[in-house]
Amino acid sequence: SGLHVAHFVQRYPPAVGGSEAYFARLTDHLTACGDAVTVVTSTAVGLAEMWEGSRRPAEIVGPVRRFAPLTFPGRRYVLKAASLLPVRRWQCLTAPCNPVCPAMWRAAGRFDGPLDAVHATAFPYSFPVACGLRLARRHGVPFFLTPFLHTGDPDDPNDRTRRQYTRPHLRWLLRQADRVFVQTHLERDTAVSIGAPPERVVVQGLGVDPAECTGGDRAAARAAWGVDDEVVVGHLANASVEKGTVDLLSAAARLWDAGKAFRVVLAGPEMPNFLAFWERFPHRNRVRTLGPITDAQKRDFFAGIDAFALPSRSDSFGLVLLEAWANAKPNLVYRAGGPAELVRDGIDGLQARCGAIAGLADQLGRLVGDERLREWLGTVGRERVGAEFRWADKLALVRHEMLAGRRKPAGRSG
């Protein structure tokens, strides 16, 4: 018989994000296998709605249960003070970045349907994860965790991103999980180094479906962007400091000041720290900003660009890198987090030291100026997609662990 699984996630489509899209895909996969999945999430769609509140009503639509985040005057300061109490479960529930949904916590204490496994994501949003843990422990079923740890700059011992994703209450959650799914060996090493039992950590990795991101109209996209035969560098992410948008444009500015001719096209929601930079950026006429894009527009985006850049400090993997490769486009990344392990420097993409704008500009200049290099790197990347990054394999691994967990009692950890 099929599994009964509860998924806990901070947001869910139509919210746009990597962990959100992954859990939606996994939900569809399990459902197609004959499993029953209940998704527990917040009503937030925009990122800030998790802490500023959402006007969307709490609702149950099909298998998805949405709970409204709590908001009140002085919320951030009240929660920050509350989270100082050194009780780990309490800190999970009071971290200010969370969608704090009291009704979700109550529901996790009342759910009485059949249940074989609970699976939660993603750090640093610990409130839904803690709710999932509560439900798993009440029912005595395995608790699975996909944290999407962001490991940041490996050369900076005080990296802010890594500190945010490895706080004591998050380390505690890792130790509670019966299985921790990670995307790279670097993430595995980080999880083990902060307390996850090695035998419980499963290196999974993510996948890509080329049919979802290829086949776009290159000519139409470039016409819409006002581009003729110039090289176009694409960037698809939440435009922000963390995702490398600001560093990418700073590196591009060096090349433009030196007389290089190319364009940058940015796609994705724009965060406040990017907008503050953008207001004073002197080369806006060389950059096209698209904002959030649809799936059809994403196919055109990847068809229209010549290279893809994601100099991010905050990616545990980087699904968009696989999408670029599926379109035979080379990737440029920082030597940080998942992309540093995923992209092989000089083989299927280029790397620069994290935060080194001059080095990033040098690598960007190589891609812009060498068509044969772009084609070579992109072709090797496309070959990897077909061999290493098939969704069916990645999702089947998760279900296999869930089936194995049903056959033995859930573990316990302090």
Protein backbone atom coordinates (compact mmCIF):
# COMPACT_ATOMS: atom_id res chain seq x y z
CA SER A 1 0.00 0.00 0.00
CA GLY A 2 1.04 3.60 -0.52
CA LEU A 3 2.73 5.85 1.99
CA HIS A 4 1.01 8.57 4.00
CA VAL A 5 3.42 11.53 4.14
CA ALA A 6 3.20 15.01 5.65
CA HIS A 7 5.36 17.73 4.07
CA PHE A 8 6.17 20.85 6.09
CA VAL A 9 7.56 23.80 4.10
CA GLN A 10 7.76 27.53 4.75
CA ARG A 11 6.02 28.50 1.47
CA TYR A 12 4.51 26.57 -1.40
CA PRO A 13 3.69 27.42 -5.03
CA PRO A 14 2.58 29.82 -6.34
CA ALA A 15 5.45 31.03 -4.13
CA VAL A 16 8.67 31.00 -6.16
CA GLY A 17 11.81 29.48 -4.66
CA GLY A 18 14.09 26.48 -4.87
CA SER A 19 12.91 24.54 -1.81
CA GLU A 20 9.30 25.42 -2.59
CA ALA A 21 9.54 24.12 -6.16
CA TYR A 22 11.39 21.00 -5.04
CA PHE A 23 8.78 20.05 -2.45
CA ALA A 24 6.01 20.60 -5.00
CA ARG A 25 7.82 18.29 -7.43
CA LEU A 26 8.39 15.66 -4.75
CA THR A 27 4.73 15.88 -3.74
CA ASP A 28 3.69 15.25 -7.36
CA HIS A 29 6.12 12.32 -7.61
CA LEU A 30 4.87 10.64 -4.44
CA THR A 31 1.27 11.17 -5.49
CA ALA A 32 2.00 9.56 -8.87
CA CYS A 33 3.44 6.58 -7.00
CA GLY A 34 0.13 6.13 -5.19
CA ASP A 35 1.11 7.85 -1.94
CA ALA A 36 -1.08 10.27 0.00
CA VAL A 37 0.67 13.56 0.74
CA THR A 38 -0.50 16.39 2.99
CA VAL A 39 1.37 19.68 2.54
CA VAL A 40 1.50 21.99 5.57
CA THR A 41 2.69 25.51 4.81
CA SER A 42 2.08 29.21 5.38
CA THR A 43 -0.13 31.54 3.36
CA ALA A 44 2.93 33.56 2.35
CA VAL A 45 3.70 33.87 -1.35
CA GLY A 46 6.16 36.78 -1.36
CA LEU A 47 9.25 36.24 0.77
CA ALA A 48 8.55 39.16 3.12
CA GLU A 49 5.00 37.91 3.75
CA MET A 50 6.49 35.27 6.03
CA TRP A 51 7.23 37.92 8.64
CA GLU A 52 5.21 40.95 7.52
CA GLY A 53 2.01 38.93 7.26
CA SER A 54 -0.12 37.82 4.33
CA ARG A 55 -3.58 39.01 3.34
CA ARG A 56 -4.36 35.61 1.90
CA PRO A 57 -6.74 33.58 4.06
CA ALA A 58 -5.81 30.38 5.83
CA GLU A 59 -7.27 27.59 3.73
CA ILE A 60 -7.29 23.92 2.84
CA VAL A 61 -7.26 23.27 -0.92
CA GLY A 62 -6.84 19.64 -1.88
CA PRO A 63 -3.81 18.27 -0.03
CA VAL A 64 -2.39 21.73 0.84
CA ARG A 65 -3.11 23.29 4.23
CA ARG A 66 -2.07 26.94 4.52
CA PHE A 67 -1.74 28.75 7.85
CA ALA A 68 -1.48 32.51 8.32
CA PRO A 69 1.76 33.93 9.77
CA LEU A 70 1.38 35.96 12.94
CA THR A 71 2.20 39.67 12.73
CA PHE A 72 2.01 42.39 15.35
CA PRO A 73 3.71 45.74 16.17
CA GLY A 74 7.35 45.31 17.12
CA ARG A 75 7.28 41.68 15.99
CA ARG A 76 10.96 41.44 15.11
CA TYR A 77 12.15 42.87 18.43
CA VAL A 78 9.74 40.81 20.53
CA LEU A 79 10.72 37.57 18.80
CA LYS A 80 14.42 38.38 18.92
CA ALA A 81 14.18 38.90 22.67
CA ALA A 82 12.10 35.74 23.09
CA SER A 83 14.55 33.68 21.06
CA LEU A 84 17.36 34.46 23.50
CA LEU A 85 15.91 31.90 25.92
CA PRO A 86 18.34 28.96 25.46
CA VAL A 87 15.69 26.29 24.88
CA ARG A 88 16.22 24.91 21.39
CA ARG A 89 12.63 24.03 20.49
CA TRP A 90 11.51 27.45 21.72
CA GLN A 91 14.22 29.12 19.61
CA CYS A 92 12.96 27.21 16.55
CA LEU A 93 9.55 28.76 17.09
CA THR A 94 10.67 32.32 17.81
CA ALA A 95 13.45 33.06 15.27
CA PRO A 96 12.36 36.39 13.71
CA CYS A 97 12.88 35.24 10.09
CA ASN A 98 10.18 32.59 10.54
CA PRO A 99 6.60 32.40 9.34
CA VAL A 100 5.29 32.07 12.89
CA CYS A 101 1.94 30.28 12.47
CA PRO A 102 0.47 29.33 15.87
CA ALA A 103 -2.38 27.46 14.15
CA MET A 104 0.19 25.29 12.33
CA TRP A 105 1.74 24.31 15.66
CA ARG A 106 -1.68 23.46 17.09
CA ALA A 107 -2.58 21.45 13.98
CA ALA A 108 0.63 19.41 14.33
CA GLY A 109 -0.54 18.52 17.83
CA ARG A 110 -4.01 17.43 16.70
CA PHE A 111 -3.51 15.65 13.37
CA ASP A 112 -4.90 12.13 13.73
CA GLY A 113 -4.94 10.74 10.19
CA PRO A 114 -2.77 7.83 9.00
CA LEU A 115 0.89 8.74 8.82
CA ASP A 116 4.10 6.94 7.78
CA ALA A 117 6.63 9.78 7.54
CA VAL A 118 7.11 13.52 8.03
CA HIS A 119 9.44 15.46 5.74
CA ALA A 120 10.35 19.10 6.42
CA THR A 121 12.34 21.93 4.87
CA ALA A 122 14.12 24.45 4.81
CA PHE A 123 16.69 26.28 6.91
CA PRO A 124 16.73 28.91 8.35
CA TYR A 125 12.90 28.76 8.56
CA SER A 126 12.74 26.55 11.61
CA PHE A 127 9.10 27.07 12.65
CA PRO A 128 7.52 24.72 10.06
CA VAL A 129 10.37 22.23 10.62
CA ALA A 130 9.70 22.21 14.37
CA CYS A 131 5.98 21.70 13.69
CA GLY A 132 6.85 18.71 11.51
CA LEU A 133 9.08 17.30 14.21
CA ARG A 134 6.24 17.63 16.72
CA LEU A 135 3.91 15.66 14.47
CA ALA A 136 6.49 12.93 13.78
CA ARG A 137 7.25 12.42 17.45
CA ARG A 138 3.53 12.31 18.39
CA HIS A 139 2.92 9.54 15.86
CA GLY A 140 6.21 7.71 16.30
CA VAL A 141 7.11 7.93 12.60
CA PRO A 142 10.42 8.83 10.94
CA PHE A 143 11.28 12.52 10.65
CA PHE A 144 13.05 13.42 7.39
CA LEU A 145 14.77 16.76 6.89
CA THR A 146 16.02 18.52 3.77
CA PRO A 147 17.73 21.61 5.24
CA PHE A 148 19.31 23.11 2.10
CA LEU A 149 22.28 24.30 4.16
CA HIS A 150 24.01 27.34 2.70
CA THR A 151 27.68 27.05 3.54
CA GLY A 152 28.84 30.43 2.21
CA ASP A 153 32.43 31.46 1.55
CA PRO A 154 34.77 28.60 2.53
CA ASP A 155 37.67 31.03 2.93
CA ASP A 156 35.86 33.17 5.52
CA PRO A 157 35.69 31.52 8.96
CA ASN A 158 33.10 34.11 10.03
CA ASP A 159 30.92 33.91 6.93
CA ARG A 160 27.55 35.48 7.77
CA THR A 161 25.52 33.10 5.61
CA ARG A 162 27.06 30.00 7.16
CA ARG A 163 26.50 31.36 10.68
CA GLN A 164 22.84 32.01 9.88
CA TYR A 165 22.30 28.43 8.69
CA THR A 166 24.19 26.73 11.53
CA ARG A 167 22.75 28.43 14.61
CA PRO A 168 22.37 26.26 17.72
CA HIS A 169 18.62 25.65 17.29
CA LEU A 170 19.17 24.58 13.66
CA ARG A 171 21.94 22.21 14.73
CA TRP A 172 19.50 20.76 17.25
CA LEU A 173 16.95 20.13 14.48
CA LEU A 174 19.59 18.32 12.42
CA ARG A 175 20.25 15.97 15.33
CA GLN A 176 16.54 15.13 15.63
CA ALA A 177 16.19 13.93 12.04
CA ASP A 178 16.13 10.23 11.21
CA ARG A 179 17.43 11.11 7.74
CA VAL A 180 18.97 14.34 6.48
CA PHE A 181 18.94 14.79 2.70
CA VAL A 182 21.78 16.99 1.41
CA GLN A 183 22.62 18.09 -2.11
CA THR A 184 26.43 17.99 -2.20
CA HIS A 185 29.31 16.35 -0.37
CA LEU A 186 30.25 19.80 0.95
CA GLU A 187 26.81 20.14 2.51
CA ARG A 188 27.18 16.64 3.94
CA ASP A 189 30.49 17.51 5.55
CA THR A 190 28.99 20.67 7.01
CA ALA A 191 25.95 18.82 8.39
CA VAL A 192 28.16 16.19 10.04
CA SER A 193 30.53 18.84 11.43
CA ILE A 194 27.64 20.51 13.27
CA GLY A 195 26.19 17.38 14.78
CA ALA A 196 24.23 15.33 12.25
CA PRO A 197 25.07 11.62 12.75
CA PRO A 198 27.00 10.59 9.59
CA GLU A 199 24.98 7.40 9.10
CA ARG A 200 21.78 9.47 8.86
CA VAL A 201 22.98 11.86 6.14
CA VAL A 202 22.04 10.97 2.56
CA VAL A 203 23.66 12.75 -0.39
CA GLN A 204 20.84 13.19 -2.86
CA GLY A 205 21.45 16.03 -5.31
CA LEU A 206 18.75 17.58 -7.47
CA GLY A 207 17.67 17.13 -11.06
CA VAL A 208 16.36 18.95 -14.09
CA ASP A 209 13.73 18.19 -16.73
CA PRO A 210 15.05 19.69 -19.98
CA ALA A 211 11.53 19.82 -21.42
CA GLU A 212 10.62 22.39 -18.76
CA CYS A 213 13.43 24.84 -19.50
CA THR A 214 14.55 24.35 -23.12
CA GLY A 215 13.01 25.05 -26.51
CA GLY A 216 12.62 28.80 -26.09
CA ASP A 217 12.58 31.37 -28.90
CA ARG A 218 16.02 32.98 -29.01
CA ALA A 219 15.20 35.52 -31.69
CA ALA A 220 12.01 36.68 -29.98
CA ALA A 221 13.73 36.99 -26.60
CA ARG A 222 16.62 39.03 -27.94
CA ALA A 223 14.29 41.25 -29.95
CA ALA A 224 12.29 41.93 -26.80
CA TRP A 225 15.51 42.80 -24.98
CA GLY A 226 16.65 45.12 -27.78
CA VAL A 227 19.75 43.00 -28.41
CA ASP A 228 21.23 42.29 -31.84
CA ASP A 229 24.48 40.34 -32.00
CA GLU A 230 25.94 41.29 -28.60
CA VAL A 231 26.83 38.61 -26.07
CA VAL A 232 24.18 38.37 -23.34
CA VAL A 233 24.96 37.19 -19.80
CA GLY A 234 21.91 35.98 -17.89
CA HIS A 235 21.17 35.87 -14.17
CA LEU A 236 18.01 34.24 -12.76
CA ALA A 237 17.55 34.55 -8.98
CA ASN A 238 16.12 36.78 -6.29
CA ALA A 239 18.09 39.89 -7.27
CA SER A 240 20.10 40.58 -4.12
CA VAL A 241 23.50 40.85 -2.53
CA GLU A 242 23.25 37.24 -1.31
CA LYS A 243 22.52 35.78 -4.77
CA GLY A 244 25.42 37.70 -6.32
CA THR A 245 23.41 40.16 -8.42
CA VAL A 246 25.25 43.16 -7.04
CA ASP A 247 28.67 41.54 -7.46
CA LEU A 248 27.81 40.48 -11.01
CA LEU A 249 26.88 44.03 -12.02
CA SER A 250 29.94 45.43 -10.24
CA ALA A 251 32.16 43.04 -12.21
CA ALA A 252 30.32 43.87 -15.44
CA ALA A 253 30.85 47.56 -14.77
CA ARG A 254 34.61 47.03 -14.73
CA LEU A 255 34.43 45.45 -18.17
CA TRP A 256 32.12 48.13 -19.54
CA ASP A 257 34.46 50.82 -18.23
CA ALA A 258 37.26 49.02 -20.09
CA GLY A 259 35.30 49.13 -23.36
CA LYS A 260 33.84 45.60 -23.49
CA ALA A 261 30.51 45.33 -25.28
CA PHE A 262 27.92 42.92 -23.91
CA ARG A 263 24.59 42.96 -22.07
CA VAL A 264 23.28 41.56 -18.81
CA VAL A 265 19.70 40.34 -18.41
CA LEU A 266 18.36 39.88 -14.88
CA ALA A 267 15.29 37.78 -14.14
CA GLY A 268 13.60 37.23 -10.80
CA PRO A 269 12.12 39.24 -7.91
CA GLU A 270 14.10 42.25 -6.75
CA MET A 271 15.11 42.44 -3.08
CA PRO A 272 15.56 45.76 -1.19
CA ASN A 273 19.37 45.54 -1.00
CA PHE A 274 19.53 45.14 -4.79
CA LEU A 275 17.15 48.06 -5.40
CA ALA A 276 19.29 50.33 -3.21
CA PHE A 277 22.32 49.42 -5.34
CA TRP A 278 20.39 49.71 -8.61
CA GLU A 279 19.31 53.29 -7.91
CA ARG A 280 22.89 54.50 -8.14
CA PHE A 281 24.23 52.04 -10.73
CA PRO A 282 25.74 53.98 -13.66
CA HIS A 283 25.30 51.35 -16.43
CA ARG A 284 21.58 50.67 -16.25
CA ASN A 285 21.25 51.14 -20.00
CA ARG A 286 23.32 47.94 -20.51
CA VAL A 287 21.13 45.85 -18.19
CA ARG A 288 17.63 44.53 -18.81
CA THR A 289 15.57 43.66 -15.74
CA LEU A 290 12.67 41.29 -16.32
CA GLY A 291 11.34 40.77 -12.80
CA PRO A 292 9.61 37.45 -12.04
CA ILE A 293 9.15 35.32 -15.17
CA THR A 294 6.76 32.54 -16.19
CA ASP A 295 7.85 29.06 -17.26
CA ALA A 296 7.44 30.03 -20.92
CA GLN A 297 9.47 33.18 -20.38
CA LYS A 298 12.15 31.12 -18.63
CA ARG A 299 12.56 28.97 -21.72
CA ASP A 300 12.97 32.11 -23.84
CA PHE A 301 15.38 33.55 -21.26
CA PHE A 302 17.74 30.58 -21.47
CA ALA A 303 17.44 30.47 -25.26
CA GLY A 304 18.30 34.14 -25.54
CA ILE A 305 21.39 34.31 -23.33
CA ASP A 306 24.93 33.20 -24.20
CA ALA A 307 26.24 32.51 -20.68
CA PHE A 308 24.76 32.25 -17.20
CA ALA A 309 26.19 33.82 -14.04
CA LEU A 310 25.27 33.03 -10.44
CA PRO A 311 28.02 34.36 -8.15
CA SER A 312 25.90 33.47 -5.13
CA ARG A 313 26.88 33.21 -1.48
CA SER A 314 23.61 31.50 -0.54
CA ASP A 315 22.93 28.40 -2.61
CA SER A 316 23.08 24.85 -1.32
CA PHE A 317 22.92 23.56 -4.90
CA GLY A 318 21.68 25.90 -7.66
CA LEU A 319 18.93 24.37 -9.81
CA VAL A 320 19.20 27.21 -12.31
CA LEU A 321 22.74 26.05 -13.10
CA LEU A 322 21.31 22.74 -14.33
CA GLU A 323 18.76 24.64 -16.41
CA ALA A 324 21.54 26.67 -18.01
CA TRP A 325 23.43 23.48 -18.83
CA ALA A 326 20.29 21.89 -20.27
CA ASN A 327 20.39 24.78 -22.76
CA ALA A 328 24.14 24.22 -23.38
CA LYS A 329 25.02 27.52 -21.68
CA PRO A 330 28.18 27.81 -19.55
CA ASN A 331 27.97 28.77 -15.87
CA LEU A 332 30.00 31.30 -13.91
CA VAL A 333 29.86 30.92 -10.11
CA TYR A 334 31.64 31.86 -6.94
CA ARG A 335 33.74 29.26 -5.16
CA ALA A 336 31.12 29.02 -2.41
CA GLY A 337 28.36 26.66 -1.34
CA GLY A 338 26.85 24.06 -3.63
CA PRO A 339 27.77 25.75 -6.93
CA ALA A 340 31.46 25.40 -6.07
CA GLU A 341 31.08 21.62 -6.05
CA LEU A 342 28.59 21.45 -8.90
CA VAL A 343 30.45 23.57 -11.47
CA ARG A 344 33.89 22.27 -12.44
CA ASP A 345 36.19 25.17 -13.16
CA GLY A 346 37.43 25.14 -16.75
CA ILE A 347 35.45 21.98 -17.59
CA ASP A 348 31.78 22.95 -17.67
CA GLY A 349 31.95 26.48 -16.28
CA LEU A 350 34.17 29.00 -14.55
CA GLN A 351 34.69 29.91 -10.90
CA ALA A 352 35.94 32.97 -9.07
CA ARG A 353 36.92 33.36 -5.44
CA CYS A 354 33.92 34.41 -3.37
CA GLY A 355 33.66 38.18 -3.07
CA ALA A 356 36.60 38.88 -5.42
CA ILE A 357 35.06 41.36 -7.87
CA ALA A 358 38.26 41.68 -9.90
CA GLY A 359 38.51 37.90 -10.28
CA LEU A 360 34.84 37.68 -11.17
CA ALA A 361 35.34 40.36 -13.81
CA ASP A 362 38.29 38.44 -15.28
CA GLN A 363 36.25 35.25 -15.60
CA LEU A 364 33.25 37.14 -16.95
CA GLY A 365 35.52 38.74 -19.53
CA ARG A 366 36.76 35.31 -20.63
CA LEU A 367 33.20 34.12 -21.24
CA VAL A 368 32.17 37.29 -23.02
CA GLY A 369 35.20 37.33 -25.27
CA ASP A 370 35.53 33.66 -26.27
CA GLU A 371 32.67 32.06 -28.17
CA ARG A 372 34.49 28.73 -28.52
CA LEU A 373 35.02 28.57 -24.75
CA ARG A 374 31.33 29.24 -24.14
CA GLU A 375 30.30 26.51 -26.56
CA TRP A 376 32.76 23.99 -25.12
CA LEU A 377 31.78 24.56 -21.49
CA GLY A 378 28.07 24.58 -22.30
CA THR A 379 28.26 21.37 -24.30
CA VAL A 380 30.03 19.50 -21.50
CA GLY A 381 27.42 20.78 -19.07
CA ARG A 382 24.57 19.57 -21.25
CA GLU A 383 26.11 16.09 -21.38
CA ARG A 384 26.27 15.98 -17.58
CA VAL A 385 22.58 16.85 -17.27
CA GLY A 386 21.54 13.74 -19.17
CA ALA A 387 23.84 11.47 -17.19
CA GLU A 388 23.86 12.81 -13.63
CA PHE A 389 20.82 14.96 -12.94
CA ARG A 390 17.65 13.04 -13.73
CA TRP A 391 14.73 13.90 -11.46
CA ALA A 392 13.39 10.35 -11.47
CA ASP A 393 16.57 9.09 -9.81
CA LYS A 394 16.68 11.84 -7.19
CA LEU A 395 13.03 11.57 -6.17
CA ALA A 396 13.09 7.76 -6.12
CA LEU A 397 15.93 7.92 -3.58
CA VAL A 398 13.78 9.94 -1.17
CA ARG A 399 10.84 7.56 -1.51
CA HIS A 400 13.15 4.58 -0.99
CA GLU A 401 14.31 6.05 2.33
CA MET A 402 10.69 6.69 3.35
CA LEU A 403 9.72 3.10 2.55
CA ALA A 404 12.72 1.81 4.51
CA GLY A 405 11.74 4.04 7.42
CA ARG A 406 8.24 2.61 7.49
CA ARG A 407 9.69 -0.86 8.03
CA LYS A 408 11.54 0.09 11.19
CA PRO A 409 10.79 2.36 14.15
CA ALA A 410 11.81 5.99 14.06
CA GLY A 411 15.08 6.90 15.70
CA ARG A 412 15.55 9.28 18.58
CA SER A 413 18.31 11.76 19.20
CA GLY A 414 19.00 14.27 21.90
